[in-house]
N, C-alpha and C. Protein backbone atom coordinates (compact mmCIF):
# COMPACT_ATOMS: atom_id res chain seq x y z
N MET A 1 -38.13 1.71 6.39
CA MET A 1 -39.51 2.09 6.63
C MET A 1 -40.39 1.22 7.30
N THR A 2 -41.12 1.83 8.40
CA THR A 2 -41.75 0.38 9.06
C THR A 2 -43.00 0.58 8.55
N LYS A 3 -44.07 -0.27 8.67
CA LYS A 3 -45.47 -0.44 8.09
C LYS A 3 -46.37 1.02 7.93
N ARG A 4 -46.44 1.46 9.09
CA ARG A 4 -46.92 2.88 9.63
C ARG A 4 -46.30 4.07 8.96
N GLU A 5 -44.84 4.20 8.95
CA GLU A 5 -44.36 4.98 7.54
C GLU A 5 -44.95 4.90 5.97
N LYS A 6 -44.82 3.52 5.69
CA LYS A 6 -45.12 3.60 4.59
C LYS A 6 -46.90 3.75 4.11
N ALA A 7 -47.44 3.35 4.97
CA ALA A 7 -48.98 3.80 5.05
C ALA A 7 -49.03 5.53 4.63
N LEU A 8 -48.29 6.12 5.60
CA LEU A 8 -48.58 7.47 5.42
C LEU A 8 -47.95 7.94 4.64
N TRP A 9 -46.85 7.57 4.28
CA TRP A 9 -46.49 7.82 2.82
C TRP A 9 -47.19 7.59 1.58
N LEU A 10 -48.02 6.35 1.52
CA LEU A 10 -48.91 6.30 0.63
C LEU A 10 -49.99 7.21 0.81
N GLN A 11 -50.60 7.72 1.64
CA GLN A 11 -51.76 8.21 2.00
C GLN A 11 -51.69 9.71 1.37
N GLU A 12 -50.38 10.39 1.55
CA GLU A 12 -49.33 11.59 0.91
C GLU A 12 -49.42 11.44 -0.59
N TYR A 13 -49.02 10.60 -1.12
CA TYR A 13 -48.32 10.39 -2.34
C TYR A 13 -49.02 9.96 -3.16
N TYR A 14 -49.96 8.77 -3.04
CA TYR A 14 -50.70 8.20 -3.40
C TYR A 14 -52.34 8.38 -3.53
N LYS A 15 -53.08 7.66 -2.81
CA LYS A 15 -54.39 7.60 -2.85
C LYS A 15 -54.65 8.00 -0.93
N ASN A 16 -55.78 8.73 -0.49
CA ASN A 16 -56.09 9.24 1.02
C ASN A 16 -56.80 8.01 1.69
N TYR A 17 -56.22 6.96 1.35
CA TYR A 17 -57.33 5.48 1.84
C TYR A 17 -56.85 5.87 3.55
N SER A 18 -57.79 5.41 4.51
CA SER A 18 -57.27 4.88 5.72
C SER A 18 -56.28 4.40 5.88
N LEU A 19 -55.94 4.55 7.15
CA LEU A 19 -54.61 4.48 7.33
C LEU A 19 -54.94 2.36 7.85
N LYS A 20 -55.66 2.10 8.60
CA LYS A 20 -56.38 0.77 8.64
C LYS A 20 -56.21 0.33 7.44
N TRP A 21 -56.87 0.45 6.47
CA TRP A 21 -57.07 -0.11 4.89
C TRP A 21 -55.45 -0.55 4.62
N TYR A 22 -54.65 0.46 4.72
CA TYR A 22 -53.01 0.11 4.11
C TYR A 22 -52.54 -1.08 5.07
N LEU A 23 -52.75 -0.71 6.23
CA LEU A 23 -52.00 -1.72 7.52
C LEU A 23 -52.93 -3.10 7.56
N GLU A 24 -53.87 -3.40 6.88
CA GLU A 24 -54.88 -4.76 7.25
C GLU A 24 -53.71 -5.80 6.29
N ASN A 25 -53.35 -5.58 5.12
CA ASN A 25 -52.59 -6.32 4.40
C ASN A 25 -51.23 -6.04 3.84
N ASP A 26 -50.09 -6.73 5.05
CA ASP A 26 -49.08 -6.64 4.14
C ASP A 26 -48.13 -6.64 3.07
N ALA A 27 -48.93 -7.64 2.58
CA ALA A 27 -48.29 -7.98 1.00
C ALA A 27 -48.68 -6.81 0.33
N ARG A 28 -49.85 -6.35 -0.11
CA ARG A 28 -50.64 -5.48 -0.38
C ARG A 28 -49.74 -4.04 -0.26
N LEU A 29 -49.62 -3.58 0.66
CA LEU A 29 -49.12 -2.50 1.54
C LEU A 29 -47.36 -2.52 0.70
N ASN A 30 -46.73 -3.49 1.19
CA ASN A 30 -45.66 -3.34 0.35
C ASN A 30 -45.67 -3.62 -1.13
N ALA A 31 -46.32 -4.01 -1.43
CA ALA A 31 -46.49 -4.08 -3.16
C ALA A 31 -46.81 -2.86 -3.93
N MET A 32 -47.89 -1.95 -2.78
CA MET A 32 -48.05 -0.98 -3.21
C MET A 32 -47.63 -0.11 -3.04
N PHE A 33 -46.74 -0.08 -2.21
CA PHE A 33 -45.37 1.21 -1.65
C PHE A 33 -44.21 0.93 -2.90
N ARG A 34 -43.83 -0.46 -2.67
CA ARG A 34 -42.73 -0.63 -4.09
C ARG A 34 -43.08 0.16 -5.48
N LYS A 35 -44.44 -0.07 -5.94
CA LYS A 35 -44.39 0.10 -7.22
C LYS A 35 -44.75 1.50 -7.05
N VAL A 36 -45.52 2.16 -6.15
CA VAL A 36 -45.83 3.85 -6.28
C VAL A 36 -44.19 4.65 -5.85
N TYR A 37 -43.55 4.08 -4.71
CA TYR A 37 -42.28 4.97 -4.45
C TYR A 37 -41.08 4.76 -5.99
N HIS A 38 -41.03 3.40 -6.60
CA HIS A 38 -40.29 3.23 -7.86
C HIS A 38 -41.06 4.55 -8.73
N ARG A 39 -42.14 4.78 -9.39
CA ARG A 39 -42.84 5.65 -9.71
C ARG A 39 -42.43 7.04 -9.75
N TYR A 40 -42.40 7.27 -8.02
CA TYR A 40 -42.16 8.45 -7.21
C TYR A 40 -40.54 8.82 -7.88
N MET A 41 -39.64 8.01 -7.70
CA MET A 41 -38.55 8.01 -7.74
C MET A 41 -38.00 8.37 -9.14
N THR A 42 -38.37 7.48 -9.94
CA THR A 42 -38.23 7.99 -11.40
C THR A 42 -39.10 9.15 -11.56
N ASP A 43 -39.95 9.85 -11.73
CA ASP A 43 -40.34 10.87 -11.93
C ASP A 43 -38.99 12.02 -11.49
N LEU A 44 -38.83 12.18 -9.81
CA LEU A 44 -38.53 12.72 -9.47
C LEU A 44 -36.98 12.73 -9.92
N ASN A 45 -36.65 11.40 -10.54
CA ASN A 45 -34.58 11.78 -11.14
C ASN A 45 -35.57 12.25 -12.48
N ALA A 46 -36.39 11.85 -12.94
CA ALA A 46 -36.48 12.52 -14.88
C ALA A 46 -36.45 14.24 -14.71
N ARG A 47 -37.47 14.62 -13.60
CA ARG A 47 -37.41 16.70 -13.46
C ARG A 47 -35.91 16.88 -13.19
N ALA A 48 -35.12 16.09 -12.32
CA ALA A 48 -34.01 16.69 -11.84
C ALA A 48 -33.05 16.42 -13.35
N SER A 49 -33.17 15.38 -13.79
CA SER A 49 -32.18 15.22 -15.52
C SER A 49 -32.53 16.61 -16.04
N LYS A 50 -33.64 16.55 -16.11
CA LYS A 50 -34.48 17.91 -16.93
C LYS A 50 -33.71 18.96 -16.72
N ALA A 51 -33.96 19.47 -15.66
CA ALA A 51 -33.30 20.69 -14.73
C ALA A 51 -31.78 20.66 -14.98
N GLN A 52 -31.05 19.78 -15.06
CA GLN A 52 -29.62 19.77 -14.96
C GLN A 52 -29.51 20.11 -16.74
N LEU A 53 -30.02 19.33 -17.67
CA LEU A 53 -29.75 19.21 -18.81
C LEU A 53 -30.14 20.91 -19.49
N SER A 54 -31.17 21.51 -18.52
CA SER A 54 -31.47 22.83 -19.32
C SER A 54 -30.40 23.92 -18.40
N HIS A 55 -29.75 23.34 -17.54
CA HIS A 55 -28.95 24.29 -17.00
C HIS A 55 -27.47 24.09 -17.97
N ILE A 56 -27.27 23.05 -18.44
CA ILE A 56 -26.17 22.85 -19.05
C ILE A 56 -26.10 23.43 -20.55
N GLU A 57 -27.47 23.49 -21.03
CA GLU A 57 -27.96 24.13 -22.05
C GLU A 57 -27.69 25.68 -22.04
N ASP A 58 -28.05 26.21 -20.98
CA ASP A 58 -27.90 27.58 -20.58
C ASP A 58 -26.40 28.05 -20.85
N LEU A 59 -25.52 27.00 -19.89
CA LEU A 59 -23.99 27.07 -19.95
C LEU A 59 -23.42 27.24 -20.89
N GLY A 60 -23.95 26.34 -21.91
CA GLY A 60 -23.01 26.37 -23.28
C GLY A 60 -23.81 27.79 -24.41
N LYS A 61 -24.95 27.98 -24.05
CA LYS A 61 -25.53 28.83 -24.73
C LYS A 61 -24.61 30.60 -24.52
N ARG A 62 -24.37 30.41 -23.15
CA ARG A 62 -23.69 31.41 -22.57
C ARG A 62 -21.83 31.83 -23.16
N MET A 63 -21.59 30.60 -22.82
CA MET A 63 -20.23 30.20 -23.23
C MET A 63 -20.04 30.86 -24.73
N ARG A 64 -21.19 30.40 -25.50
CA ARG A 64 -20.92 30.84 -26.83
C ARG A 64 -20.83 32.56 -27.52
N GLU A 65 -22.27 33.17 -26.49
CA GLU A 65 -22.20 34.28 -26.32
C GLU A 65 -20.70 34.96 -26.16
N VAL A 66 -20.58 34.96 -25.18
CA VAL A 66 -19.27 35.60 -24.50
C VAL A 66 -17.89 35.21 -25.56
N TYR A 67 -17.48 33.68 -26.03
CA TYR A 67 -16.79 33.43 -26.98
C TYR A 67 -16.74 34.62 -28.05
N GLU A 68 -18.30 34.60 -28.51
CA GLU A 68 -18.03 35.55 -29.92
C GLU A 68 -17.93 36.98 -29.79
N ASP A 69 -18.28 37.38 -28.12
CA ASP A 69 -17.86 38.89 -27.88
C ASP A 69 -16.97 39.20 -27.58
N VAL A 70 -15.79 38.36 -26.71
CA VAL A 70 -14.38 38.59 -26.48
C VAL A 70 -13.95 38.03 -27.71
N TYR A 71 -14.05 37.24 -28.59
CA TYR A 71 -12.77 36.85 -29.77
C TYR A 71 -13.26 37.33 -31.27
N GLY A 72 -14.66 37.80 -31.32
CA GLY A 72 -15.31 38.11 -32.78
C GLY A 72 -15.34 36.77 -33.76
N THR A 73 -15.24 35.84 -33.24
CA THR A 73 -15.76 34.76 -34.18
C THR A 73 -16.16 33.86 -33.53
N ASN A 74 -16.71 32.60 -34.03
CA ASN A 74 -17.68 31.65 -33.66
C ASN A 74 -16.86 30.70 -32.89
N PHE A 75 -17.61 30.07 -31.82
CA PHE A 75 -16.71 29.50 -31.21
C PHE A 75 -17.19 27.79 -31.88
N ASP A 76 -18.06 27.53 -32.81
CA ASP A 76 -18.12 26.22 -33.63
C ASP A 76 -16.83 26.22 -34.51
N SER A 77 -16.90 27.22 -35.45
CA SER A 77 -16.38 27.17 -36.75
C SER A 77 -14.79 27.25 -35.69
N ASP A 78 -14.57 27.88 -34.86
CA ASP A 78 -12.82 27.85 -34.58
C ASP A 78 -12.16 26.67 -33.69
N CYS A 79 -13.45 25.84 -33.02
CA CYS A 79 -13.61 24.26 -32.56
C CYS A 79 -13.20 23.37 -33.56
N ARG A 80 -13.89 23.85 -35.00
CA ARG A 80 -13.62 22.41 -36.06
C ARG A 80 -12.33 23.17 -36.87
N LEU A 81 -11.58 24.40 -36.69
CA LEU A 81 -10.29 24.41 -37.32
C LEU A 81 -8.80 24.17 -36.19
N ASP A 82 -9.48 24.38 -35.10
CA ASP A 82 -8.44 24.15 -33.76
C ASP A 82 -8.78 23.97 -32.34
N ARG A 83 -9.08 22.72 -32.44
CA ARG A 83 -9.95 22.22 -30.84
C ARG A 83 -9.35 22.88 -29.71
N ALA A 84 -7.84 22.27 -29.97
CA ALA A 84 -7.36 22.25 -28.41
C ALA A 84 -6.82 23.92 -28.21
N GLU A 85 -6.51 24.97 -29.41
CA GLU A 85 -6.43 26.32 -29.01
C GLU A 85 -7.84 27.13 -28.36
N THR A 86 -8.52 26.18 -28.80
CA THR A 86 -10.34 26.76 -28.58
C THR A 86 -10.60 26.89 -27.60
N ASN A 87 -10.14 25.04 -26.91
CA ASN A 87 -10.37 25.16 -25.51
C ASN A 87 -9.78 26.13 -24.55
N ARG A 88 -8.52 26.14 -24.91
CA ARG A 88 -7.76 27.40 -24.02
C ARG A 88 -8.29 28.45 -24.01
N LYS A 89 -8.65 29.34 -25.21
CA LYS A 89 -9.42 30.33 -25.33
C LYS A 89 -10.81 30.22 -24.18
N VAL A 90 -11.26 29.30 -24.25
CA VAL A 90 -12.62 29.52 -23.51
C VAL A 90 -12.40 28.85 -22.19
N GLN A 91 -11.50 28.35 -21.74
CA GLN A 91 -10.59 28.43 -20.42
C GLN A 91 -10.29 29.72 -19.45
N ALA A 92 -10.00 30.27 -20.71
CA ALA A 92 -9.11 31.76 -20.42
C ALA A 92 -9.85 32.79 -19.87
N ILE A 93 -11.37 32.57 -20.87
CA ILE A 93 -12.26 33.17 -20.34
C ILE A 93 -13.85 32.97 -19.55
N ARG A 94 -13.46 31.64 -18.63
CA ARG A 94 -14.30 31.17 -17.97
C ARG A 94 -15.19 31.82 -16.76
N SER A 95 -14.43 32.82 -16.51
CA SER A 95 -14.92 33.47 -15.57
C SER A 95 -16.05 34.29 -15.81
N MET A 96 -16.35 34.68 -17.09
CA MET A 96 -16.72 35.77 -18.15
C MET A 96 -18.20 34.65 -18.20
N TRP A 97 -18.43 33.68 -18.77
CA TRP A 97 -19.55 32.61 -18.31
C TRP A 97 -20.20 31.93 -17.45
N VAL A 98 -19.28 31.51 -16.57
CA VAL A 98 -19.43 30.18 -15.50
C VAL A 98 -20.50 30.96 -14.33
N VAL A 99 -21.15 31.00 -14.33
CA VAL A 99 -22.13 31.77 -13.16
C VAL A 99 -21.87 30.62 -12.04
N ALA A 100 -21.64 31.35 -10.81
CA ALA A 100 -21.28 30.37 -9.45
C ALA A 100 -22.61 30.32 -9.04
N PRO A 101 -22.58 29.17 -8.49
CA PRO A 101 -23.76 28.34 -8.07
C PRO A 101 -24.33 29.55 -7.02
N ALA A 102 -25.77 29.61 -6.60
CA ALA A 102 -26.21 30.56 -5.52
C ALA A 102 -26.46 29.94 -4.23
């Protein structure tokens, strides 16, 4: 990124100081940009991870519900008794619990 792009990014995502203020000291600009951009990316990744985890948990819940509806038994109990057979059963009904991406 150019100095100007960094300054504009900081104005938008950090504080709306004047462009001149950001650009008058290269060391300050780079240090601020590094710090704020790192914080921004960390937060963005954390939100993405939470969304992925939520999706995985919803998928697991849906799989357990469909498994119980189809086979009439609890997935976790069956898994403790015969994991390989339970996995085969789950894959056989996969189309019923996996939601296609939009």
